[in-house]
PDB file of N, CA and C in Angstrom:
ATOM      1  N   MET A   1     -73.303 102.688 -59.835  1.00  0.00           N
ATOM      2  CA  MET A   1     -74.232 102.795 -60.758  1.00  0.00           C
ATOM      3  C   MET A   1     -73.794 103.148 -62.126  1.00  0.00           C
ATOM      4  N   THR A   2     -72.711 104.020 -61.965  1.00  0.00           N
ATOM      5  CA  THR A   2     -72.107 104.647 -63.436  1.00  0.00           C
ATOM      6  C   THR A   2     -71.582 103.113 -64.062  1.00  0.00           C
ATOM      7  N   LEU A   3     -70.750 102.317 -63.135  1.00  0.00           N
ATOM      8  CA  LEU A   3     -70.121 101.263 -63.763  1.00  0.00           C
ATOM      9  C   LEU A   3     -71.192 100.275 -64.516  1.00  0.00           C
ATOM     10  N   LEU A   4     -72.201 100.089 -63.958  1.00  0.00           N
ATOM     11  CA  LEU A   4     -73.128  99.318 -64.634  1.00  0.00           C
ATOM     12  C   LEU A   4     -73.748  99.816 -65.928  1.00  0.00           C
ATOM     13  N   ILE A   5     -73.884 101.149 -65.971  1.00  0.00           N
ATOM     14  CA  ILE A   5     -74.195 101.655 -67.284  1.00  0.00           C
ATOM     15  C   ILE A   5     -73.279 101.679 -68.161  1.00  0.00           C
ATOM     16  N   ILE A   6     -71.924 101.989 -67.799  1.00  0.00           N
ATOM     17  CA  ILE A   6     -70.832 101.671 -68.862  1.00  0.00           C
ATOM     18  C   ILE A   6     -70.738 100.296 -69.384  1.00  0.00           C
ATOM     19  N   LEU A   7     -71.038  99.192 -68.474  1.00  0.00           N
ATOM     20  CA  LEU A   7     -70.944  97.886 -68.817  1.00  0.00           C
ATOM     21  C   LEU A   7     -72.053  97.544 -69.653  1.00  0.00           C
ATOM     22  N   ALA A   8     -73.147  97.945 -69.530  1.00  0.00           N
ATOM     23  CA  ALA A   8     -74.430  97.845 -70.344  1.00  0.00           C
ATOM     24  C   ALA A   8     -74.060  98.357 -71.833  1.00  0.00           C
ATOM     25  N   CYS A   9     -73.357  99.661 -71.906  1.00  0.00           N
ATOM     26  CA  CYS A   9     -73.264 100.278 -73.145  1.00  0.00           C
ATOM     27  C   CYS A   9     -72.375  99.315 -73.783  1.00  0.00           C
ATOM     28  N   VAL A  10     -71.143  98.789 -73.142  1.00  0.00           N
ATOM     29  CA  VAL A  10     -70.266  97.879 -73.736  1.00  0.00           C
ATOM     30  C   VAL A  10     -70.738  96.652 -74.451  1.00  0.00           C
ATOM     31  N   PHE A  11     -71.601  96.029 -73.577  1.00  0.00           N
ATOM     32  CA  PHE A  11     -72.249  94.635 -74.012  1.00  0.00           C
ATOM     33  C   PHE A  11     -73.124  95.060 -75.211  1.00  0.00           C
ATOM     34  N   PHE A  12     -73.837  96.104 -75.163  1.00  0.00           N
ATOM     35  CA  PHE A  12     -74.719  96.465 -76.248  1.00  0.00           C
ATOM     36  C   PHE A  12     -73.955  96.582 -77.573  1.00  0.00           C
ATOM     37  N   ALA A  13     -72.808  97.412 -77.356  1.00  0.00           N
ATOM     38  CA  ALA A  13     -71.925  97.750 -78.568  1.00  0.00           C
ATOM     39  C   ALA A  13     -71.443  96.520 -79.290  1.00  0.00           C
ATOM     40  N   VAL A  14     -70.961  95.513 -78.310  1.00  0.00           N
ATOM     41  CA  VAL A  14     -70.531  94.207 -78.769  1.00  0.00           C
ATOM     42  C   VAL A  14     -71.747  93.502 -79.409  1.00  0.00           C
ATOM     43  N   PHE A  15     -72.790  93.294 -78.931  1.00  0.00           N
ATOM     44  CA  PHE A  15     -73.981  92.757 -79.389  1.00  0.00           C
ATOM     45  C   PHE A  15     -74.436  93.289 -80.828  1.00  0.00           C
ATOM     46  N   LEU A  16     -74.220  94.636 -80.999  1.00  0.00           N
ATOM     47  CA  LEU A  16     -74.304  95.309 -82.421  1.00  0.00           C
ATOM     48  C   LEU A  16     -73.343  95.034 -83.400  1.00  0.00           C
ATOM     49  N   MET A  17     -72.288  94.744 -83.008  1.00  0.00           N
ATOM     50  CA  MET A  17     -71.253  94.487 -83.862  1.00  0.00           C
ATOM     51  C   MET A  17     -71.327  93.044 -84.374  1.00  0.00           C
ATOM     52  N   VAL A  18     -71.524  92.152 -83.310  1.00  0.00           N
ATOM     53  CA  VAL A  18     -71.772  90.783 -83.773  1.00  0.00           C
ATOM     54  C   VAL A  18     -73.096  90.613 -84.839  1.00  0.00           C
ATOM     55  N   VAL A  19     -74.153  91.199 -84.508  1.00  0.00           N
ATOM     56  CA  VAL A  19     -75.273  91.166 -85.185  1.00  0.00           C
ATOM     57  C   VAL A  19     -75.118  91.703 -86.791  1.00  0.00           C
ATOM     58  N   LEU A  20     -74.467  92.998 -86.773  1.00  0.00           N
ATOM     59  CA  LEU A  20     -74.061  93.637 -87.947  1.00  0.00           C
ATOM     60  C   LEU A  20     -73.117  92.835 -88.831  1.00  0.00           C
ATOM     61  N   GLY A  21     -72.023  92.419 -88.108  1.00  0.00           N
ATOM     62  CA  GLY A  21     -71.156  91.503 -88.676  1.00  0.00           C
ATOM     63  C   GLY A  21     -71.530  90.307 -89.612  1.00  0.00           C
ATOM     64  N   GLU A  22     -72.518  89.600 -88.809  1.00  0.00           N
ATOM     65  CA  GLU A  22     -73.030  88.519 -89.364  1.00  0.00           C
ATOM     66  C   GLU A  22     -73.922  88.645 -90.608  1.00  0.00           C
ATOM     67  N   ARG A  23     -74.882  89.859 -90.432  1.00  0.00           N
ATOM     68  CA  ARG A  23     -75.531  90.018 -91.476  1.00  0.00           C
ATOM     69  C   ARG A  23     -74.952  90.779 -92.699  1.00  0.00           C
ATOM     70  N   PHE A  24     -73.998  91.812 -92.551  1.00  0.00           N
ATOM     71  CA  PHE A  24     -73.239  92.398 -93.798  1.00  0.00           C
ATOM     72  C   PHE A  24     -72.003  91.870 -94.072  1.00  0.00           C
ATOM     73  N   GLY A  25     -71.334  90.977 -93.220  1.00  0.00           N
ATOM     74  CA  GLY A  25     -69.946  90.424 -93.469  1.00  0.00           C
ATOM     75  C   GLY A  25     -69.906  89.422 -94.536  1.00  0.00           C
ATOM     76  N   LYS A  26     -68.806  89.490 -95.283  1.00  0.00           N
ATOM     77  CA  LYS A  26     -68.675  88.561 -96.126  1.00  0.00           C
ATOM     78  C   LYS A  26     -67.517  87.597 -96.016  1.00  0.00           C
ATOM     79  N   PRO A  27     -67.574  86.264 -96.271  1.00  0.00           N
ATOM     80  CA  PRO A  27     -66.255  85.456 -95.925  1.00  0.00           C
ATOM     81  C   PRO A  27     -65.097  85.851 -96.719  1.00  0.00           C
ATOM     82  N   MET A  28     -63.966  85.681 -96.126  1.00  0.00           N
ATOM     83  CA  MET A  28     -62.557  85.903 -96.887  1.00  0.00           C
ATOM     84  C   MET A  28     -62.308  84.815 -97.856  1.00  0.00           C
ATOM     85  N   SER A  29     -61.632  85.317 -98.787  1.00  0.00           N
ATOM     86  CA  SER A  29     -61.266  84.154 -99.779  1.00  0.00           C
ATOM     87  C   SER A  29     -59.860  83.417 -99.250  1.00  0.00           C
ATOM     88  N   GLU A  30     -59.466  82.301 -99.637  1.00  0.00           N
ATOM     89  CA  GLU A  30     -58.486  81.649 -99.248  1.00  0.00           C
ATOM     90  C   GLU A  30     -57.084  82.541 -99.425  1.00  0.00           C
ATOM     91  N   GLU A  31     -57.017  83.255-100.609  1.00  0.00           N
ATOM     92  CA  GLU A  31     -55.849  83.873-100.948  1.00  0.00           C
ATOM     93  C   GLU A  31     -55.732  85.094 -99.764  1.00  0.00           C
ATOM     94  N   GLN A  32     -56.768  85.746 -99.424  1.00  0.00           N
ATOM     95  CA  GLN A  32     -56.762  86.805 -98.344  1.00  0.00           C
ATOM     96  C   GLN A  32     -56.196  86.193 -97.057  1.00  0.00           C
ATOM     97  N   GLN A  33     -56.733  85.054 -96.817  1.00  0.00           N
ATOM     98  CA  GLN A  33     -56.445  84.331 -95.442  1.00  0.00           C
ATOM     99  C   GLN A  33     -55.174  84.017 -95.366  1.00  0.00           C
ATOM    100  N   ARG A  34     -54.474  83.624 -96.415  1.00  0.00           N
ATOM    101  CA  ARG A  34     -53.088  83.268 -96.540  1.00  0.00           C
ATOM    102  C   ARG A  34     -52.159  84.500 -96.655  1.00  0.00           C
ATOM    103  N   LYS A  35     -52.576  85.678 -97.095  1.00  0.00           N
ATOM    104  CA  LYS A  35     -51.891  86.841 -96.844  1.00  0.00           C
ATOM    105  C   LYS A  35     -51.840  87.518 -95.695  1.00  0.00           C
ATOM    106  N   TYR A  36     -53.108  87.350 -94.880  1.00  0.00           N
ATOM    107  CA  TYR A  36     -53.142  87.992 -93.483  1.00  0.00           C
ATOM    108  C   TYR A  36     -52.439  86.974 -92.538  1.00  0.00           C
ATOM    109  N   SER A  37     -52.332  85.535 -92.775  1.00  0.00           N
ATOM    110  CA  SER A  37     -51.652  84.807 -91.845  1.00  0.00           C
ATOM    111  C   SER A  37     -50.108  85.009 -91.856  1.00  0.00           C
ATOM    112  N   LYS A  38     -49.634  85.567 -92.992  1.00  0.00           N
ATOM    113  CA  LYS A  38     -48.164  85.850 -93.227  1.00  0.00           C
ATOM    114  C   LYS A  38     -47.858  87.135 -92.350  1.00  0.00           C
ATOM    115  N   ILE A  39     -48.903  88.247 -92.449  1.00  0.00           N
ATOM    116  CA  ILE A  39     -48.413  89.423 -91.871  1.00  0.00           C
ATOM    117  C   ILE A  39     -48.760  89.673 -90.443  1.00  0.00           C
ATOM    118  N   LEU A  40     -49.973  89.069 -89.975  1.00  0.00           N
ATOM    119  CA  LEU A  40     -50.451  89.200 -88.643  1.00  0.00           C
ATOM    120  C   LEU A  40     -49.402  88.693 -87.594  1.00  0.00           C
ATOM    121  N   PRO A  41     -48.817  87.667 -87.549  1.00  0.00           N
ATOM    122  CA  PRO A  41     -47.764  87.406 -86.453  1.00  0.00           C
ATOM    123  C   PRO A  41     -46.729  88.562 -86.224  1.00  0.00           C
ATOM    124  N   ILE A  42     -46.364  89.003 -87.565  1.00  0.00           N
ATOM    125  CA  ILE A  42     -45.320  90.119 -87.420  1.00  0.00           C
ATOM    126  C   ILE A  42     -45.630  91.277 -86.811  1.00  0.00           C
ATOM    127  N   LEU A  43     -47.059  91.709 -87.092  1.00  0.00           N
ATOM    128  CA  LEU A  43     -47.382  92.772 -86.706  1.00  0.00           C
ATOM    129  C   LEU A  43     -47.745  92.759 -85.145  1.00  0.00           C
ATOM    130  N   VAL A  44     -48.229  91.703 -84.667  1.00  0.00           N
ATOM    131  CA  VAL A  44     -48.587  91.363 -83.439  1.00  0.00           C
ATOM    132  C   VAL A  44     -47.325  91.530 -82.603  1.00  0.00           C
ATOM    133  N   PHE A  45     -46.089  90.859 -82.968  1.00  0.00           N
ATOM    134  CA  PHE A  45     -44.829  90.856 -82.337  1.00  0.00           C
ATOM    135  C   PHE A  45     -44.223  92.415 -82.379  1.00  0.00           C
ATOM    136  N   VAL A  46     -44.279  93.140 -83.403  1.00  0.00           N
ATOM    137  CA  VAL A  46     -44.136  94.409 -83.400  1.00  0.00           C
ATOM    138  C   VAL A  46     -44.909  95.438 -82.355  1.00  0.00           C
ATOM    139  N   LEU A  47     -46.262  95.165 -82.236  1.00  0.00           N
ATOM    140  CA  LEU A  47     -46.954  95.693 -81.376  1.00  0.00           C
ATOM    141  C   LEU A  47     -46.645  95.424 -79.706  1.00  0.00           C
ATOM    142  N   ILE A  48     -46.374  94.222 -79.596  1.00  0.00           N
ATOM    143  CA  ILE A  48     -45.981  93.746 -78.315  1.00  0.00           C
ATOM    144  C   ILE A  48     -44.548  94.550 -77.810  1.00  0.00           C
ATOM    145  N   GLY A  49     -43.853  94.280 -78.798  1.00  0.00           N
ATOM    146  CA  GLY A  49     -42.352  95.129 -78.486  1.00  0.00           C
ATOM    147  C   GLY A  49     -42.484  96.617 -78.364  1.00  0.00           C
ATOM    148  N   ALA A  50     -43.369  97.186 -78.971  1.00  0.00           N
ATOM    149  CA  ALA A  50     -43.506  98.590 -78.828  1.00  0.00           C
ATOM    150  C   ALA A  50     -44.293  98.885 -77.439  1.00  0.00           C
ATOM    151  N   ALA A  51     -45.052  98.032 -77.053  1.00  0.00           N
ATOM    152  CA  ALA A  51     -45.917  98.196 -75.781  1.00  0.00           C
ATOM    153  C   ALA A  51     -44.749  97.978 -74.585  1.00  0.00           C
ATOM    154  N   ILE A  52     -44.000  96.992 -74.740  1.00  0.00           N
ATOM    155  CA  ILE A  52     -43.118  96.710 -73.986  1.00  0.00           C
ATOM    156  C   ILE A  52     -42.039  97.986 -73.602  1.00  0.00           C
ATOM    157  N   ILE A  53     -41.508  98.317 -74.718  1.00  0.00           N
ATOM    158  CA  ILE A  53     -40.673  99.525 -74.870  1.00  0.00           C
ATOM    159  C   ILE A  53     -41.200 100.915 -74.171  1.00  0.00           C
ATOM    160  N   LYS A  54     -42.301 100.967 -74.455  1.00  0.00           N
ATOM    161  CA  LYS A  54     -43.467 102.262 -73.935  1.00  0.00           C
ATOM    162  C   LYS A  54     -43.460 102.011 -72.322  1.00  0.00           C
ATOM    163  N   ALA A  55     -43.729 100.707 -71.867  1.00  0.00           N
ATOM    164  CA  ALA A  55     -43.823 100.468 -70.476  1.00  0.00           C
ATOM    165  C   ALA A  55     -42.476 101.035 -69.679  1.00  0.00           C
ATOM    166  N   PHE A  56     -41.315 100.785 -70.485  1.00  0.00           N
ATOM    167  CA  PHE A  56     -40.164 101.050 -69.761  1.00  0.00           C
ATOM    168  C   PHE A  56     -39.790 102.459 -69.956  1.00  0.00           C
ATOM    169  N   ILE A  57     -40.135 103.169 -70.876  1.00  0.00           N
ATOM    170  CA  ILE A  57     -39.832 104.643 -70.902  1.00  0.00           C
ATOM    171  C   ILE A  57     -40.759 105.349 -70.190  1.00  0.00           C
TER     172      ILE A  57
END
């Protein structure tokens, strides 16, 4: 029963984030998208590497 309550809370939180994001979010400019597209793959690679190192230690 506890698992169902936790699952319902997670779904409600995701629903709330989607609704609020659509209502109050603003679209990114192309310059911002270009900047993030350069940085994001590097950050993902670093985080995956850190997780692998943490798993081995």
